[in-house]
C-alpha atoms as a PDB file:
ATOM      1  CA  MET A   1       0.090  -0.113   0.284  1.00  0.00           C
ATOM      2  CA  ASN A   2       2.850   2.339   0.728  1.00  0.00           C
ATOM      3  CA  ARG A   3       4.705   1.406  -2.493  1.00  0.00           C
ATOM      4  CA  LYS A   4       1.474   2.168  -4.161  1.00  0.00           C
ATOM      5  CA  ASN A   5       1.138   5.602  -2.757  1.00  0.00           C
ATOM      6  CA  SER A   6       4.769   6.781  -3.378  1.00  0.00           C
ATOM      7  CA  PHE A   7       4.362   5.259  -7.093  1.00  0.00           C
ATOM      8  CA  PHE A   8       1.208   8.395  -7.476  1.00  0.00           C
ATOM      9  CA  LYS A   9       3.180  10.419  -5.732  1.00  0.00           C
ATOM     10  CA  SER A  10       5.885  10.586  -8.038  1.00  0.00           C
ATOM     11  CA  LEU A  11       4.004  10.138 -11.080  1.00  0.00           C
ATOM     12  CA  ALA A  12       2.365  12.904 -10.182  1.00  0.00           C
ATOM     13  CA  LEU A  13       5.581  15.008  -9.289  1.00  0.00           C
ATOM     14  CA  ILE A  14       6.757  13.968 -12.538  1.00  0.00           C
ATOM     15  CA  LEU A  15       3.504  15.282 -14.798  1.00  0.00           C
ATOM     16  CA  SER A  16       3.624  18.458 -12.388  1.00  0.00           C
ATOM     17  CA  VAL A  17       7.354  19.296 -13.737  1.00  0.00           C
ATOM     18  CA  SER A  18       6.561  18.621 -17.139  1.00  0.00           C
ATOM     19  CA  LEU A  19       3.747  20.615 -17.286  1.00  0.00           C
ATOM     20  CA  ILE A  20       5.781  23.672 -16.227  1.00  0.00           C
ATOM     21  CA  THR A  21       8.562  22.310 -18.874  1.00  0.00           C
ATOM     22  CA  VAL A  22       6.397  22.596 -21.472  1.00  0.00           C
ATOM     23  CA  GLY A  23       4.716  25.972 -20.117  1.00  0.00           C
ATOM     24  CA  CYS A  24       7.835  27.410 -20.590  1.00  0.00           C
ATOM     25  CA  SER A  25       9.335  26.719 -23.477  1.00  0.00           C
ATOM     26  CA  SER A  26       6.305  27.461 -25.209  1.00  0.00           C
ATOM     27  CA  SER A  27       6.250  31.017 -23.276  1.00  0.00           C
ATOM     28  CA  PRO A  28       6.298  34.358 -26.653  1.00  0.00           C
ATOM     29  CA  LYS A  29      10.244  34.830 -27.144  1.00  0.00           C
ATOM     30  CA  THR A  30      11.288  39.005 -26.417  1.00  0.00           C
ATOM     31  CA  ALA A  31      13.479  40.163 -28.770  1.00  0.00           C
ATOM     32  CA  ASP A  32      15.525  43.125 -28.132  1.00  0.00           C
ATOM     33  CA  LYS A  33      14.053  46.055 -29.363  1.00  0.00           C
ATOM     34  CA  ASN A  34      17.162  47.539 -31.281  1.00  0.00           C
ATOM     35  CA  GLU A  35      16.268  44.276 -33.281  1.00  0.00           C
ATOM     36  CA  GLY A  36      13.095  44.381 -34.032  1.00  0.00           C
ATOM     37  CA  LYS A  37       9.511  42.017 -32.756  1.00  0.00           C
ATOM     38  CA  VAL A  38       9.488  38.716 -33.104  1.00  0.00           C
ATOM     39  CA  GLU A  39       7.511  37.962 -36.540  1.00  0.00           C
ATOM     40  CA  ASP A  40       3.836  36.716 -36.505  1.00  0.00           C
ATOM     41  CA  SER A  41       2.341  37.621 -39.725  1.00  0.00           C
ATOM     42  CA  LYS A  42       3.647  38.007 -43.788  1.00  0.00           C
ATOM     43  CA  THR A  43       2.820  41.784 -44.057  1.00  0.00           C
ATOM     44  CA  LEU A  44       5.604  44.649 -44.429  1.00  0.00           C
ATOM     45  CA  THR A  45       4.801  48.306 -44.007  1.00  0.00           C
ATOM     46  CA  VAL A  46       7.027  50.289 -46.529  1.00  0.00           C
ATOM     47  CA  TYR A  47       7.224  54.116 -46.168  1.00  0.00           C
ATOM     48  CA  THR A  48       8.408  55.300 -49.117  1.00  0.00           C
ATOM     49  CA  ALA A  49       8.916  58.900 -51.444  1.00  0.00           C
ATOM     50  CA  ARG A  50      10.035  57.084 -54.637  1.00  0.00           C
ATOM     51  CA  SER A  51       8.431  57.587 -57.439  1.00  0.00           C
ATOM     52  CA  GLU A  52       4.884  56.087 -58.336  1.00  0.00           C
ATOM     53  CA  SER A  53       6.618  54.218 -61.409  1.00  0.00           C
ATOM     54  CA  LEU A  54       9.120  52.676 -58.946  1.00  0.00           C
ATOM     55  CA  ASN A  55       6.984  51.258 -56.554  1.00  0.00           C
ATOM     56  CA  ASN A  56       5.130  49.949 -59.445  1.00  0.00           C
ATOM     57  CA  ALA A  57       7.390  48.514 -60.729  1.00  0.00           C
ATOM     58  CA  VAL A  58       8.864  46.448 -57.304  1.00  0.00           C
ATOM     59  CA  ILE A  59       6.244  45.982 -54.665  1.00  0.00           C
ATOM     60  CA  PRO A  60       3.656  43.702 -56.799  1.00  0.00           C
ATOM     61  CA  ASN A  61       6.573  41.933 -57.593  1.00  0.00           C
ATOM     62  CA  PHE A  62       7.508  41.429 -54.343  1.00  0.00           C
ATOM     63  CA  GLU A  63       4.728  40.200 -53.396  1.00  0.00           C
ATOM     64  CA  LYS A  64       4.135  38.046 -55.809  1.00  0.00           C
ATOM     65  CA  GLU A  65       7.276  36.113 -55.517  1.00  0.00           C
ATOM     66  CA  THR A  66       7.580  36.238 -51.363  1.00  0.00           C
ATOM     67  CA  GLY A  67       3.867  36.101 -50.211  1.00  0.00           C
ATOM     68  CA  ILE A  68       4.917  38.745 -48.660  1.00  0.00           C
ATOM     69  CA  LYS A  69       1.897  41.726 -48.070  1.00  0.00           C
ATOM     70  CA  ILE A  70       3.233  44.950 -48.253  1.00  0.00           C
ATOM     71  CA  ASN A  71       1.659  47.963 -46.454  1.00  0.00           C
ATOM     72  CA  LEU A  72       2.549  50.797 -48.525  1.00  0.00           C
ATOM     73  CA  VAL A  73       2.740  54.749 -47.579  1.00  0.00           C
ATOM     74  CA  THR A  74       3.838  57.068 -50.096  1.00  0.00           C
ATOM     75  CA  ALA A  75       4.634  61.522 -48.881  1.00  0.00           C
ATOM     76  CA  GLY A  76       6.625  63.230 -49.269  1.00  0.00           C
ATOM     77  CA  THR A  77      10.672  62.688 -47.693  1.00  0.00           C
ATOM     78  CA  GLY A  78      10.870  65.008 -45.576  1.00  0.00           C
ATOM     79  CA  GLU A  79       6.999  64.070 -43.879  1.00  0.00           C
ATOM     80  CA  LEU A  80       8.283  60.208 -43.553  1.00  0.00           C
ATOM     81  CA  VAL A  81      11.120  61.222 -41.287  1.00  0.00           C
ATOM     82  CA  LYS A  82       9.359  63.274 -39.695  1.00  0.00           C
ATOM     83  CA  ARG A  83       6.750  60.491 -39.110  1.00  0.00           C
ATOM     84  CA  VAL A  84       9.281  57.742 -38.585  1.00  0.00           C
ATOM     85  CA  GLU A  85      10.802  60.131 -35.896  1.00  0.00           C
ATOM     86  CA  SER A  86       7.434  60.643 -34.010  1.00  0.00           C
ATOM     87  CA  GLU A  87       6.787  56.821 -34.034  1.00  0.00           C
ATOM     88  CA  LYS A  88      10.001  56.148 -31.979  1.00  0.00           C
ATOM     89  CA  ASN A  89       9.081  54.613 -29.523  1.00  0.00           C
ATOM     90  CA  ASN A  90       6.290  52.957 -31.230  1.00  0.00           C
ATOM     91  CA  PRO A  91       7.286  51.827 -34.916  1.00  0.00           C
ATOM     92  CA  MET A  92       4.620  51.848 -37.615  1.00  0.00           C
ATOM     93  CA  GLY A  93       6.315  50.979 -40.658  1.00  0.00           C
ATOM     94  CA  ASP A  94       8.946  48.796 -41.348  1.00  0.00           C
ATOM     95  CA  ILE A  95      11.315  49.871 -44.099  1.00  0.00           C
ATOM     96  CA  LEU A  96      12.249  53.652 -44.823  1.00  0.00           C
ATOM     97  CA  TRP A  97      12.811  53.852 -49.075  1.00  0.00           C
ATOM     98  CA  ALA A  98      13.344  57.502 -49.507  1.00  0.00           C
ATOM     99  CA  ALA A  99      16.609  60.039 -50.162  1.00  0.00           C
ATOM    100  CA  ASP A 100      20.195  59.051 -49.476  1.00  0.00           C
ATOM    101  CA  GLU A 101      23.067  58.583 -47.071  1.00  0.00           C
ATOM    102  CA  THR A 102      23.284  62.648 -46.870  1.00  0.00           C
ATOM    103  CA  MET A 103      19.741  63.172 -46.019  1.00  0.00           C
ATOM    104  CA  LEU A 104      19.618  60.475 -43.449  1.00  0.00           C
ATOM    105  CA  SER A 105      23.291  60.106 -41.726  1.00  0.00           C
ATOM    106  CA  SER A 106      22.486  62.321 -38.971  1.00  0.00           C
ATOM    107  CA  LYS A 107      19.245  60.856 -38.152  1.00  0.00           C
ATOM    108  CA  LYS A 108      21.312  56.426 -37.993  1.00  0.00           C
ATOM    109  CA  ASP A 109      19.624  56.214 -34.216  1.00  0.00           C
ATOM    110  CA  LEU A 110      16.500  55.526 -36.493  1.00  0.00           C
ATOM    111  CA  PHE A 111      17.200  52.668 -37.876  1.00  0.00           C
ATOM    112  CA  MET A 112      18.688  49.428 -37.342  1.00  0.00           C
ATOM    113  CA  GLN A 113      22.258  48.420 -39.020  1.00  0.00           C
ATOM    114  CA  TYR A 114      21.423  46.133 -41.805  1.00  0.00           C
ATOM    115  CA  VAL A 115      24.404  45.115 -45.174  1.00  0.00           C
ATOM    116  CA  SER A 116      22.413  42.628 -47.741  1.00  0.00           C
ATOM    117  CA  PRO A 117      24.753  39.559 -48.670  1.00  0.00           C
ATOM    118  CA  GLU A 118      23.382  41.843 -52.269  1.00  0.00           C
ATOM    119  CA  ASN A 119      26.491  44.348 -51.536  1.00  0.00           C
ATOM    120  CA  GLU A 120      29.401  43.089 -52.600  1.00  0.00           C
ATOM    121  CA  ASN A 121      27.502  43.223 -56.441  1.00  0.00           C
ATOM    122  CA  MET A 122      26.733  46.894 -55.960  1.00  0.00           C
ATOM    123  CA  MET A 123      28.920  49.292 -57.397  1.00  0.00           C
ATOM    124  CA  GLU A 124      31.957  50.802 -55.910  1.00  0.00           C
ATOM    125  CA  GLY A 125      31.476  54.371 -53.939  1.00  0.00           C
ATOM    126  CA  PHE A 126      27.269  52.892 -54.119  1.00  0.00           C
ATOM    127  CA  LYS A 127      28.361  49.866 -51.055  1.00  0.00           C
ATOM    128  CA  ASN A 128      26.881  50.642 -47.726  1.00  0.00           C
ATOM    129  CA  LYS A 129      29.663  51.736 -45.573  1.00  0.00           C
ATOM    130  CA  THR A 130      27.937  52.293 -42.548  1.00  0.00           C
ATOM    131  CA  GLY A 131      26.009  49.286 -41.928  1.00  0.00           C
ATOM    132  CA  PHE A 132      22.687  51.101 -41.798  1.00  0.00           C
ATOM    133  CA  PHE A 133      22.279  52.767 -45.712  1.00  0.00           C
ATOM    134  CA  SER A 134      21.904  50.683 -48.629  1.00  0.00           C
ATOM    135  CA  PRO A 135      22.128  52.537 -51.441  1.00  0.00           C
ATOM    136  CA  ALA A 136      20.043  51.282 -54.823  1.00  0.00           C
ATOM    137  CA  PHE A 137      19.129  53.414 -57.420  1.00  0.00           C
ATOM    138  CA  ALA A 138      20.741  56.894 -57.925  1.00  0.00           C
ATOM    139  CA  ASP A 139      19.027  60.313 -58.865  1.00  0.00           C
ATOM    140  CA  PRO A 140      21.771  62.458 -61.295  1.00  0.00           C
ATOM    141  CA  THR A 141      21.607  65.994 -60.300  1.00  0.00           C
ATOM    142  CA  VAL A 142      20.644  67.551 -63.517  1.00  0.00           C
ATOM    143  CA  PHE A 143      19.250  70.732 -66.117  1.00  0.00           C
ATOM    144  CA  ILE A 144      16.007  70.282 -66.973  1.00  0.00           C
ATOM    145  CA  VAL A 145      16.126  72.498 -70.639  1.00  0.00           C
ATOM    146  CA  ASN A 146      12.881  73.753 -72.610  1.00  0.00           C
ATOM    147  CA  THR A 147      14.072  73.341 -76.026  1.00  0.00           C
ATOM    148  CA  ASN A 148      11.573  75.487 -77.622  1.00  0.00           C
ATOM    149  CA  LEU A 149      11.890  78.338 -74.841  1.00  0.00           C
ATOM    150  CA  ILE A 150      15.903  78.315 -74.581  1.00  0.00           C
ATOM    151  CA  GLY A 151      16.626  79.558 -78.052  1.00  0.00           C
ATOM    152  CA  ASP A 152      20.287  79.915 -78.831  1.00  0.00           C
ATOM    153  CA  ILE A 153      21.320  80.371 -74.880  1.00  0.00           C
ATOM    154  CA  LYS A 154      24.295  78.095 -74.869  1.00  0.00           C
ATOM    155  CA  VAL A 155      23.198  75.432 -72.215  1.00  0.00           C
ATOM    156  CA  GLU A 156      26.675  73.117 -71.370  1.00  0.00           C
ATOM    157  CA  GLY A 157      27.278  73.712 -67.365  1.00  0.00           C
ATOM    158  CA  PHE A 158      26.937  75.881 -64.350  1.00  0.00           C
ATOM    159  CA  ALA A 159      29.035  78.500 -65.774  1.00  0.00           C
ATOM    160  CA  ASP A 160      26.671  79.117 -68.212  1.00  0.00           C
ATOM    161  CA  LEU A 161      23.720  79.507 -65.646  1.00  0.00           C
ATOM    162  CA  LEU A 162      25.270  83.222 -65.274  1.00  0.00           C
ATOM    163  CA  ASN A 163      24.019  84.408 -68.247  1.00  0.00           C
ATOM    164  CA  PRO A 164      22.503  87.623 -67.709  1.00  0.00           C
ATOM    165  CA  LYS A 165      19.831  86.615 -70.748  1.00  0.00           C
ATOM    166  CA  LEU A 166      19.060  84.083 -67.865  1.00  0.00           C
ATOM    167  CA  LYS A 167      18.135  86.503 -65.520  1.00  0.00           C
ATOM    168  CA  GLY A 168      15.521  85.107 -63.413  1.00  0.00           C
ATOM    169  CA  LYS A 169      13.969  82.445 -65.894  1.00  0.00           C
ATOM    170  CA  ILE A 170      16.038  79.955 -63.657  1.00  0.00           C
ATOM    171  CA  ALA A 171      14.047  77.606 -61.778  1.00  0.00           C
ATOM    172  CA  PHE A 172      15.819  76.406 -58.511  1.00  0.00           C
ATOM    173  CA  GLY A 173      14.292  75.434 -54.879  1.00  0.00           C
ATOM    174  CA  ASP A 174      15.531  75.775 -51.394  1.00  0.00           C
ATOM    175  CA  PRO A 175      18.055  73.851 -50.432  1.00  0.00           C
ATOM    176  CA  ALA A 176      16.939  74.017 -46.571  1.00  0.00           C
ATOM    177  CA  ASN A 177      13.867  72.399 -47.412  1.00  0.00           C
ATOM    178  CA  SER A 178      14.464  69.915 -50.794  1.00  0.00           C
ATOM    179  CA  SER A 179      16.440  67.465 -51.147  1.00  0.00           C
ATOM    180  CA  SER A 180      17.140  67.523 -54.790  1.00  0.00           C
ATOM    181  CA  ALA A 181      17.358  71.543 -54.336  1.00  0.00           C
ATOM    182  CA  PHE A 182      20.370  70.967 -52.126  1.00  0.00           C
ATOM    183  CA  GLN A 183      21.524  67.603 -54.446  1.00  0.00           C
ATOM    184  CA  SER A 184      22.450  70.634 -56.692  1.00  0.00           C
ATOM    185  CA  LEU A 185      23.940  73.128 -54.416  1.00  0.00           C
ATOM    186  CA  ALA A 186      26.700  70.288 -53.406  1.00  0.00           C
ATOM    187  CA  ALA A 187      27.284  69.539 -57.441  1.00  0.00           C
ATOM    188  CA  MET A 188      27.328  73.097 -58.262  1.00  0.00           C
ATOM    189  CA  LEU A 189      29.468  73.780 -54.792  1.00  0.00           C
ATOM    190  CA  TYR A 190      32.275  70.370 -55.710  1.00  0.00           C
ATOM    191  CA  ALA A 191      32.136  71.540 -59.327  1.00  0.00           C
ATOM    192  CA  MET A 192      32.393  75.265 -59.292  1.00  0.00           C
ATOM    193  CA  GLY A 193      35.219  75.126 -56.052  1.00  0.00           C
ATOM    194  CA  ASP A 194      37.609  72.769 -58.257  1.00  0.00           C
ATOM    195  CA  GLY A 195      37.145  69.030 -55.560  1.00  0.00           C
ATOM    196  CA  ASP A 196      36.550  71.480 -52.533  1.00  0.00           C
ATOM    197  CA  PRO A 197      32.654  73.072 -51.336  1.00  0.00           C
ATOM    198  CA  MET A 198      34.167  75.236 -49.049  1.00  0.00           C
ATOM    199  CA  SER A 199      36.309  76.978 -51.061  1.00  0.00           C
ATOM    200  CA  ASP A 200      35.903  81.119 -51.839  1.00  0.00           C
ATOM    201  CA  LYS A 201      35.823  80.379 -55.201  1.00  0.00           C
ATOM    202  CA  ALA A 202      32.341  77.849 -54.661  1.00  0.00           C
ATOM    203  CA  TRP A 203      30.521  80.378 -52.926  1.00  0.00           C
ATOM    204  CA  ASP A 204      31.852  83.292 -54.529  1.00  0.00           C
ATOM    205  CA  PHE A 205      30.179  81.505 -57.533  1.00  0.00           C
ATOM    206  CA  VAL A 206      27.107  80.676 -55.341  1.00  0.00           C
ATOM    207  CA  ASP A 207      27.017  84.411 -55.224  1.00  0.00           C
ATOM    208  CA  LYS A 208      26.645  84.897 -58.370  1.00  0.00           C
ATOM    209  CA  PHE A 209      24.347  82.319 -59.075  1.00  0.00           C
ATOM    210  CA  ILE A 210      22.069  83.960 -56.237  1.00  0.00           C
ATOM    211  CA  ALA A 211      21.765  87.326 -58.138  1.00  0.00           C
ATOM    212  CA  ASN A 212      20.988  85.831 -61.216  1.00  0.00           C
ATOM    213  CA  LEU A 213      17.881  83.913 -60.360  1.00  0.00           C
ATOM    214  CA  ASP A 214      16.969  87.324 -59.186  1.00  0.00           C
ATOM    215  CA  GLY A 215      15.217  86.628 -55.917  1.00  0.00           C
ATOM    216  CA  LYS A 216      12.728  84.038 -57.402  1.00  0.00           C
ATOM    217  CA  ILE A 217      12.796  80.666 -55.253  1.00  0.00           C
ATOM    218  CA  MET A 218      10.706  77.550 -55.635  1.00  0.00           C
ATOM    219  CA  LYS A 219       8.890  75.601 -52.677  1.00  0.00           C
ATOM    220  CA  SER A 220       7.757  72.349 -54.670  1.00  0.00           C
ATOM    221  CA  SER A 221      10.469  70.475 -55.992  1.00  0.00           C
ATOM    222  CA  GLY A 222       7.803  68.705 -58.202  1.00  0.00           C
ATOM    223  CA  GLN A 223       6.789  72.023 -59.414  1.00  0.00           C
ATOM    224  CA  LEU A 224       9.759  72.654 -60.129  1.00  0.00           C
ATOM    225  CA  HIS A 225      10.405  70.603 -62.900  1.00  0.00           C
ATOM    226  CA  LYS A 226       6.951  70.783 -64.007  1.00  0.00           C
ATOM    227  CA  SER A 227       7.567  74.872 -64.349  1.00  0.00           C
ATOM    228  CA  VAL A 228       9.827  74.048 -67.257  1.00  0.00           C
ATOM    229  CA  ALA A 229       7.714  71.423 -68.776  1.00  0.00           C
ATOM    230  CA  ASP A 230       4.652  73.276 -68.744  1.00  0.00           C
ATOM    231  CA  GLY A 231       7.025  76.476 -70.376  1.00  0.00           C
ATOM    232  CA  GLU A 232       7.266  79.191 -67.614  1.00  0.00           C
ATOM    233  CA  TYR A 233      10.789  78.854 -67.380  1.00  0.00           C
ATOM    234  CA  PRO A 234      13.634  78.281 -69.634  1.00  0.00           C
ATOM    235  CA  ILE A 235      15.945  76.198 -67.334  1.00  0.00           C
ATOM    236  CA  GLY A 236      16.037  74.457 -63.936  1.00  0.00           C
ATOM    237  CA  LEU A 237      18.230  72.359 -61.400  1.00  0.00           C
ATOM    238  CA  THR A 238      16.351  69.506 -60.738  1.00  0.00           C
ATOM    239  CA  TRP A 239      17.394  65.471 -60.898  1.00  0.00           C
ATOM    240  CA  GLU A 240      17.437  63.131 -64.188  1.00  0.00           C
ATOM    241  CA  ASP A 241      14.244  60.968 -63.244  1.00  0.00           C
ATOM    242  CA  PRO A 242      11.314  63.276 -64.153  1.00  0.00           C
ATOM    243  CA  VAL A 243      13.114  64.679 -66.437  1.00  0.00           C
ATOM    244  CA  VAL A 244      13.544  62.038 -68.739  1.00  0.00           C
ATOM    245  CA  ASN A 245       9.802  60.997 -68.528  1.00  0.00           C
ATOM    246  CA  TYR A 246       8.983  64.015 -69.622  1.00  0.00           C
ATOM    247  CA  ILE A 247      10.773  63.556 -72.591  1.00  0.00           C
ATOM    248  CA  LYS A 248       9.596  59.746 -73.077  1.00  0.00           C
ATOM    249  CA  ASN A 249       6.078  61.158 -72.919  1.00  0.00           C
ATOM    250  CA  GLY A 250       7.212  63.853 -75.493  1.00  0.00           C
ATOM    251  CA  ALA A 251       7.578  67.082 -73.632  1.00  0.00           C
ATOM    252  CA  PRO A 252       9.833  69.847 -75.548  1.00  0.00           C
ATOM    253  CA  VAL A 253      12.529  69.659 -73.165  1.00  0.00           C
ATOM    254  CA  LYS A 254      16.127  67.738 -72.812  1.00  0.00           C
ATOM    255  CA  VAL A 255      18.310  66.828 -70.377  1.00  0.00           C
ATOM    256  CA  VAL A 256      21.552  68.257 -69.645  1.00  0.00           C
ATOM    257  CA  PHE A 257      24.900  66.826 -67.471  1.00  0.00           C
ATOM    258  CA  PRO A 258      26.805  69.766 -66.418  1.00  0.00           C
ATOM    259  CA  ILE A 259      29.741  69.829 -68.296  1.00  0.00           C
ATOM    260  CA  GLU A 260      31.734  70.344 -65.027  1.00  0.00           C
ATOM    261  CA  GLY A 261      30.386  67.901 -63.009  1.00  0.00           C
ATOM    262  CA  ALA A 262      26.823  66.537 -61.516  1.00  0.00           C
ATOM    263  CA  ILE A 263      26.806  63.692 -58.228  1.00  0.00           C
ATOM    264  CA  PHE A 264      24.615  60.678 -58.028  1.00  0.00           C
ATOM    265  CA  PRO A 265      22.884  60.740 -54.886  1.00  0.00           C
ATOM    266  CA  GLY A 266      22.333  56.546 -53.839  1.00  0.00           C
ATOM    267  CA  GLU A 267      18.516  57.112 -52.405  1.00  0.00           C
ATOM    268  CA  SER A 268      18.990  54.619 -50.066  1.00  0.00           C
ATOM    269  CA  VAL A 269      16.306  51.641 -48.283  1.00  0.00           C
ATOM    270  CA  GLN A 270      16.862  51.007 -44.472  1.00  0.00           C
ATOM    271  CA  ILE A 271      14.935  48.919 -41.375  1.00  0.00           C
ATOM    272  CA  ILE A 272      12.998  50.780 -39.331  1.00  0.00           C
ATOM    273  CA  LYS A 273      14.695  50.098 -35.978  1.00  0.00           C
ATOM    274  CA  GLY A 274      12.389  48.360 -34.006  1.00  0.00           C
ATOM    275  CA  ALA A 275      10.447  47.174 -36.718  1.00  0.00           C
ATOM    276  CA  GLN A 276       7.930  44.744 -36.307  1.00  0.00           C
ATOM    277  CA  ASN A 277       8.572  42.628 -39.394  1.00  0.00           C
ATOM    278  CA  VAL A 278      12.466  42.898 -39.359  1.00  0.00           C
ATOM    279  CA  GLU A 279      13.048  39.236 -41.829  1.00  0.00           C
ATOM    280  CA  ASN A 280      10.518  40.761 -43.960  1.00  0.00           C
ATOM    281  CA  ALA A 281      13.081  43.656 -44.194  1.00  0.00           C
ATOM    282  CA  LYS A 282      16.009  42.121 -44.712  1.00  0.00           C
ATOM    283  CA  LYS A 283      14.210  40.664 -47.678  1.00  0.00           C
ATOM    284  CA  PHE A 284      13.158  43.475 -49.088  1.00  0.00           C
ATOM    285  CA  ILE A 285      16.203  45.000 -49.021  1.00  0.00           C
ATOM    286  CA  ASP A 286      18.169  41.989 -50.366  1.00  0.00           C
ATOM    287  CA  TYR A 287      14.761  42.167 -53.360  1.00  0.00           C
ATOM    288  CA  VAL A 288      15.217  45.739 -54.417  1.00  0.00           C
ATOM    289  CA  LEU A 289      19.026  45.480 -54.873  1.00  0.00           C
ATOM    290  CA  SER A 290      18.798  41.747 -56.623  1.00  0.00           C
ATOM    291  CA  GLU A 291      19.740  41.495 -60.014  1.00  0.00           C
ATOM    292  CA  LYS A 292      16.910  41.048 -61.449  1.00  0.00           C
ATOM    293  CA  VAL A 293      15.181  44.065 -60.357  1.00  0.00           C
ATOM    294  CA  GLN A 294      18.472  46.211 -61.067  1.00  0.00           C
ATOM    295  CA  ASN A 295      17.840  45.045 -64.320  1.00  0.00           C
ATOM    296  CA  LEU A 296      14.301  45.734 -64.564  1.00  0.00           C
ATOM    297  CA  VAL A 297      14.459  49.375 -63.386  1.00  0.00           C
ATOM    298  CA  GLY A 298      17.242  50.600 -65.824  1.00  0.00           C
ATOM    299  CA  SER A 299      15.537  48.926 -68.726  1.00  0.00           C
ATOM    300  CA  GLU A 300      12.218  50.520 -68.190  1.00  0.00           C
ATOM    301  CA  LEU A 301      12.249  53.193 -65.856  1.00  0.00           C
ATOM    302  CA  THR A 302      14.141  56.439 -65.579  1.00  0.00           C
ATOM    303  CA  VAL A 303      16.137  56.088 -62.721  1.00  0.00           C
ATOM    304  CA  ARG A 304      19.295  55.146 -62.526  1.00  0.00           C
ATOM    305  CA  PRO A 305      20.907  51.282 -60.323  1.00  0.00           C
ATOM    306  CA  LEU A 306      23.856  50.893 -59.353  1.00  0.00           C
ATOM    307  CA  ARG A 307      24.411  47.204 -59.338  1.00  0.00           C
ATOM    308  CA  LYS A 308      27.557  46.618 -61.259  1.00  0.00           C
ATOM    309  CA  ASN A 309      26.865  46.058 -64.976  1.00  0.00           C
ATOM    310  CA  ALA A 310      23.278  46.449 -64.618  1.00  0.00           C
ATOM    311  CA  LYS A 311      21.431  46.891 -67.803  1.00  0.00           C
ATOM    312  CA  LEU A 312      20.220  50.722 -69.232  1.00  0.00           C
ATOM    313  CA  ALA A 313      17.637  51.870 -71.242  1.00  0.00           C
ATOM    314  CA  GLU A 314      18.885  53.216 -74.855  1.00  0.00           C
ATOM    315  CA  TYR A 315      17.047  56.317 -73.666  1.00  0.00           C
ATOM    316  CA  MET A 316      19.393  56.882 -70.817  1.00  0.00           C
ATOM    317  CA  VAL A 317      22.836  58.386 -71.409  1.00  0.00           C
ATOM    318  CA  PRO A 318      25.415  56.204 -71.150  1.00  0.00           C
ATOM    319  CA  ASN A 319      27.300  56.263 -67.327  1.00  0.00           C
ATOM    320  CA  ASP A 320      30.664  56.717 -68.574  1.00  0.00           C
ATOM    321  CA  LYS A 321      29.215  59.876 -71.138  1.00  0.00           C
ATOM    322  CA  ILE A 322      28.793  61.989 -67.593  1.00  0.00           C
ATOM    323  CA  VAL A 323      31.642  63.684 -66.271  1.00  0.00           C
ATOM    324  CA  LEU A 324      31.113  63.549 -61.698  1.00  0.00           C
ATOM    325  CA  ALA A 325      31.775  65.899 -59.475  1.00  0.00           C
ATOM    326  CA  LYS A 326      35.607  66.118 -58.383  1.00  0.00           C
ATOM    327  CA  ASN A 327      36.334  64.846 -54.855  1.00  0.00           C
ATOM    328  CA  TYR A 328      32.259  64.135 -53.983  1.00  0.00           C
ATOM    329  CA  ASP A 329      32.348  63.129 -50.681  1.00  0.00           C
ATOM    330  CA  GLU A 330      28.963  61.694 -49.788  1.00  0.00           C
ATOM    331  CA  ALA A 331      29.750  61.344 -45.648  1.00  0.00           C
ATOM    332  CA  TRP A 332      31.457  64.556 -45.386  1.00  0.00           C
ATOM    333  CA  VAL A 333      28.768  66.508 -46.727  1.00  0.00           C
ATOM    334  CA  SER A 334      26.308  64.749 -44.358  1.00  0.00           C
ATOM    335  CA  GLU A 335      28.230  65.873 -41.402  1.00  0.00           C
ATOM    336  CA  HIS A 336      28.338  68.992 -42.835  1.00  0.00           C
ATOM    337  CA  LYS A 337      24.781  69.730 -44.234  1.00  0.00           C
ATOM    338  CA  ASN A 338      23.922  72.343 -41.854  1.00  0.00           C
ATOM    339  CA  ASP A 339      27.292  73.749 -42.115  1.00  0.00           C
ATOM    340  CA  ILE A 340      26.638  74.465 -45.942  1.00  0.00           C
ATOM    341  CA  VAL A 341      22.365  75.126 -45.789  1.00  0.00           C
ATOM    342  CA  SER A 342      23.592  78.395 -43.151  1.00  0.00           C
ATOM    343  CA  LYS A 343      26.556  79.627 -45.424  1.00  0.00           C
ATOM    344  CA  TYR A 344      23.943  78.861 -48.325  1.00  0.00           C
ATOM    345  CA  ASN A 345      21.236  81.638 -47.028  1.00  0.00           C
ATOM    346  CA  GLU A 346      23.586  83.242 -45.047  1.00  0.00           C
ATOM    347  CA  VAL A 347      24.584  84.224 -48.754  1.00  0.00           C
ATOM    348  CA  LEU A 348      21.679  84.482 -49.872  1.00  0.00           C
ATOM    349  CA  GLU A 349      20.564  87.143 -47.163  1.00  0.00           C
ATOM    350  CA  ASN A 350      23.069  89.287 -48.247  1.00  0.00           C
ATOM    351  CA  SER A 351      22.238  88.814 -51.695  1.00  0.00           C
ATOM    352  CA  LEU A 352      18.770  90.643 -51.333  1.00  0.00           C
ATOM    353  CA  LYS A 353      19.735  93.327 -49.566  1.00  0.00           C
END
């Protein structure tokens, strides 16, 4: 009898220990906030400031090939960055696909580190050097020129923008609020300062350029290229993508890469710190940098792929025909963006006195 009671007591003890063990092993895992939360869905939320054509080329194909459903949130770069900042204690997005390292470097604390296996296949100068930002496509700085309005005025480079015939007729944005205007300013500084963006020579040119703007600074970068295509201005400083789109659609415009040098901002894709779907986010970055997507975009759209030997459409100016700004250093520009904008505003204020 005693043996029987002892047997049942031992059995009960074994069962109770087993239940505790099972309960511990099946409890939900926790993850470091910096590395994201454990995934429980086949979804991904992407904040994008990329063009509709680029989003349409990438998003549906990614969903089809991976089975991951994307919640797409589209807005301007500034608005999306502010959104990521406001949500940093409770991130609602997984991916930020907007701007380049120059615009985002000072906000690295909003993102988590990830270097894609595809990184080694990207062009030199366009690899993920910090661990945070993966350059995917480039939006080079260019001039958009209305061929019906420009007449016999020569427009080959920055020096031509000082032509008195163009006074008050150049569309330019606000570098403090427009990423494309800031990039155009950076290209101008490097090109006209012989590779030294803070030289007296560079800023003397900017001073003369501002004087030739005759006080006309545009607030919207989107309205800027449209104003040239619509015939309001003969020339504007913008990025390549919209200009080539106008050309493809028959608008009387042409794209001009300044002979003194253009810059290729590497528009990057990055994972938001604390994202809910980290593994899906990594797959998205890998996909955007993949040979398939880079070739698709390069051969059918109007942005430049940054993967080595990626295909490029015939309507795009070949890379080897473009002069790049001397000594352009994206990391340096990132660190000194505020200094550049402050100096520009100082020169602008002095010109308006």
